[in-house]
Amino acid sequence: MARRRAPWAEEVGNTLVVRVTPKASAARITAERDTDGGLALRVAVTAAPEDGKANAAVIALLAEALGLPRSALAIVRGETARTKTIRIDRGP
């Protein structure tokens, strides 16, 4: 069975800025249009923000939604903050 990509996946460039909510009741991604017409993504994960568990959960959830391997995503800014910048390597 082929994975379905998130409806916002085609609009994502090489970086993605997300607002993370750790220790949520359920893992989910919500996308909203901001005032400039761009995407504002909120990522909720059930993992606690300790020992990198929440960061790993964010990467796993986004990778699945984008249809990419986890190794294609990396947090490049905000490792200990709620707002994170994630680099996406879609390959050649």
C-alpha atoms as a PDB file:
ATOM      1  CA  MET A   1       0.000   0.000   0.000  1.00  0.00           C
ATOM      2  CA  ALA A   2       1.418   3.395  -0.962  1.00  0.00           C
ATOM      3  CA  ARG A   3       1.687   6.059   1.699  1.00  0.00           C
ATOM      4  CA  ARG A   4      -0.452   9.114   1.284  1.00  0.00           C
ATOM      5  CA  ARG A   5       1.469  12.340   1.552  1.00  0.00           C
ATOM      6  CA  ALA A   6       0.167  15.229   3.583  1.00  0.00           C
ATOM      7  CA  PRO A   7      -1.745  17.801   1.488  1.00  0.00           C
ATOM      8  CA  TRP A   8       0.789  20.507   2.391  1.00  0.00           C
ATOM      9  CA  ALA A   9       3.827  18.347   1.489  1.00  0.00           C
ATOM     10  CA  GLU A  10       4.159  19.707  -2.054  1.00  0.00           C
ATOM     11  CA  GLU A  11       4.483  23.259  -0.748  1.00  0.00           C
ATOM     12  CA  VAL A  12       7.441  22.512   1.510  1.00  0.00           C
ATOM     13  CA  GLY A  13      10.818  23.751   0.264  1.00  0.00           C
ATOM     14  CA  ASN A  14      14.251  22.931   1.671  1.00  0.00           C
ATOM     15  CA  THR A  15      13.484  24.171   5.166  1.00  0.00           C
ATOM     16  CA  LEU A  16      10.463  24.024   7.349  1.00  0.00           C
ATOM     17  CA  VAL A  17       9.707  26.035  10.482  1.00  0.00           C
ATOM     18  CA  VAL A  18       7.423  24.305  12.956  1.00  0.00           C
ATOM     19  CA  ARG A  19       6.013  25.067  16.375  1.00  0.00           C
ATOM     20  CA  VAL A  20       6.232  21.959  18.575  1.00  0.00           C
ATOM     21  CA  THR A  21       3.979  20.901  21.431  1.00  0.00           C
ATOM     22  CA  PRO A  22       5.559  18.049  23.422  1.00  0.00           C
ATOM     23  CA  LYS A  23       3.617  15.750  25.776  1.00  0.00           C
ATOM     24  CA  ALA A  24       0.429  16.125  23.729  1.00  0.00           C
ATOM     25  CA  SER A  25      -2.426  13.651  24.041  1.00  0.00           C
ATOM     26  CA  ALA A  26      -1.958  12.580  20.405  1.00  0.00           C
ATOM     27  CA  ALA A  27       0.639  13.052  17.669  1.00  0.00           C
ATOM     28  CA  ARG A  28      -0.611  15.303  14.879  1.00  0.00           C
ATOM     29  CA  ILE A  29       0.381  17.969  12.386  1.00  0.00           C
ATOM     30  CA  THR A  30      -1.827  20.943  11.674  1.00  0.00           C
ATOM     31  CA  ALA A  31      -1.171  23.400   8.869  1.00  0.00           C
ATOM     32  CA  GLU A  32      -2.517  26.922   8.709  1.00  0.00           C
ATOM     33  CA  ARG A  33      -1.999  29.829   6.352  1.00  0.00           C
ATOM     34  CA  ASP A  34      -0.197  32.712   7.975  1.00  0.00           C
ATOM     35  CA  THR A  35      -0.866  36.370   7.175  1.00  0.00           C
ATOM     36  CA  ASP A  36       1.706  36.327   4.335  1.00  0.00           C
ATOM     37  CA  GLY A  37       0.046  33.375   2.629  1.00  0.00           C
ATOM     38  CA  GLY A  38       2.766  30.934   3.721  1.00  0.00           C
ATOM     39  CA  LEU A  39       2.341  27.834   5.811  1.00  0.00           C
ATOM     40  CA  ALA A  40       2.444  27.774   9.581  1.00  0.00           C
ATOM     41  CA  LEU A  41       2.860  24.221  10.842  1.00  0.00           C
ATOM     42  CA  ARG A  42       2.188  23.025  14.364  1.00  0.00           C
ATOM     43  CA  VAL A  43       3.478  19.614  15.356  1.00  0.00           C
ATOM     44  CA  ALA A  44       2.206  17.873  18.482  1.00  0.00           C
ATOM     45  CA  VAL A  45       4.055  14.800  19.763  1.00  0.00           C
ATOM     46  CA  THR A  46       3.369  12.567  22.746  1.00  0.00           C
ATOM     47  CA  ALA A  47       7.051  12.320  23.726  1.00  0.00           C
ATOM     48  CA  ALA A  48       8.465  14.387  26.570  1.00  0.00           C
ATOM     49  CA  PRO A  49      11.130  17.010  25.825  1.00  0.00           C
ATOM     50  CA  GLU A  50      13.934  15.075  27.492  1.00  0.00           C
ATOM     51  CA  ASP A  51      17.004  13.369  26.052  1.00  0.00           C
ATOM     52  CA  GLY A  52      15.966  14.333  22.510  1.00  0.00           C
ATOM     53  CA  LYS A  53      12.832  12.156  22.575  1.00  0.00           C
ATOM     54  CA  ALA A  54      10.477  14.910  21.425  1.00  0.00           C
ATOM     55  CA  ASN A  55      12.879  15.978  18.657  1.00  0.00           C
ATOM     56  CA  ALA A  56      13.103  12.391  17.400  1.00  0.00           C
ATOM     57  CA  ALA A  57       9.311  12.128  17.453  1.00  0.00           C
ATOM     58  CA  VAL A  58       8.989  15.373  15.460  1.00  0.00           C
ATOM     59  CA  ILE A  59      11.409  14.101  12.808  1.00  0.00           C
ATOM     60  CA  ALA A  60       9.629  10.731  12.602  1.00  0.00           C
ATOM     61  CA  LEU A  61       6.178  12.310  12.283  1.00  0.00           C
ATOM     62  CA  LEU A  62       7.254  14.828   9.628  1.00  0.00           C
ATOM     63  CA  ALA A  63       9.198  12.210   7.652  1.00  0.00           C
ATOM     64  CA  GLU A  64       6.143   9.979   7.519  1.00  0.00           C
ATOM     65  CA  ALA A  65       3.892  12.860   6.450  1.00  0.00           C
ATOM     66  CA  LEU A  66       6.338  13.911   3.719  1.00  0.00           C
ATOM     67  CA  GLY A  67       6.937  10.354   2.520  1.00  0.00           C
ATOM     68  CA  LEU A  68      10.666  10.622   3.187  1.00  0.00           C
ATOM     69  CA  PRO A  69      13.115   8.636   5.303  1.00  0.00           C
ATOM     70  CA  ARG A  70      13.943  10.102   8.720  1.00  0.00           C
ATOM     71  CA  SER A  71      17.546  10.579   7.583  1.00  0.00           C
ATOM     72  CA  ALA A  72      16.338  13.187   5.050  1.00  0.00           C
ATOM     73  CA  LEU A  73      15.295  15.566   7.847  1.00  0.00           C
ATOM     74  CA  ALA A  74      17.475  17.345  10.389  1.00  0.00           C
ATOM     75  CA  ILE A  75      16.846  20.028  12.997  1.00  0.00           C
ATOM     76  CA  VAL A  76      19.165  22.921  12.146  1.00  0.00           C
ATOM     77  CA  ARG A  77      17.865  25.523  14.594  1.00  0.00           C
ATOM     78  CA  GLY A  78      15.899  25.382  17.823  1.00  0.00           C
ATOM     79  CA  GLU A  79      16.943  22.006  19.145  1.00  0.00           C
ATOM     80  CA  THR A  80      15.930  23.036  22.683  1.00  0.00           C
ATOM     81  CA  ALA A  81      13.199  25.507  21.676  1.00  0.00           C
ATOM     82  CA  ARG A  82       9.573  24.965  20.727  1.00  0.00           C
ATOM     83  CA  THR A  83      10.070  26.685  17.382  1.00  0.00           C
ATOM     84  CA  LYS A  84      12.372  24.592  15.210  1.00  0.00           C
ATOM     85  CA  THR A  85      13.839  24.947  11.742  1.00  0.00           C
ATOM     86  CA  ILE A  86      14.123  21.643   9.926  1.00  0.00           C
ATOM     87  CA  ARG A  87      16.237  21.037   6.825  1.00  0.00           C
ATOM     88  CA  ILE A  88      14.766  18.670   4.242  1.00  0.00           C
ATOM     89  CA  ASP A  89      17.019  16.807   1.808  1.00  0.00           C
ATOM     90  CA  ARG A  90      14.891  15.339  -0.955  1.00  0.00           C
ATOM     91  CA  GLY A  91      17.916  13.902  -2.755  1.00  0.00           C
ATOM     92  CA  PRO A  92      19.035  14.454  -6.357  1.00  0.00           C
END
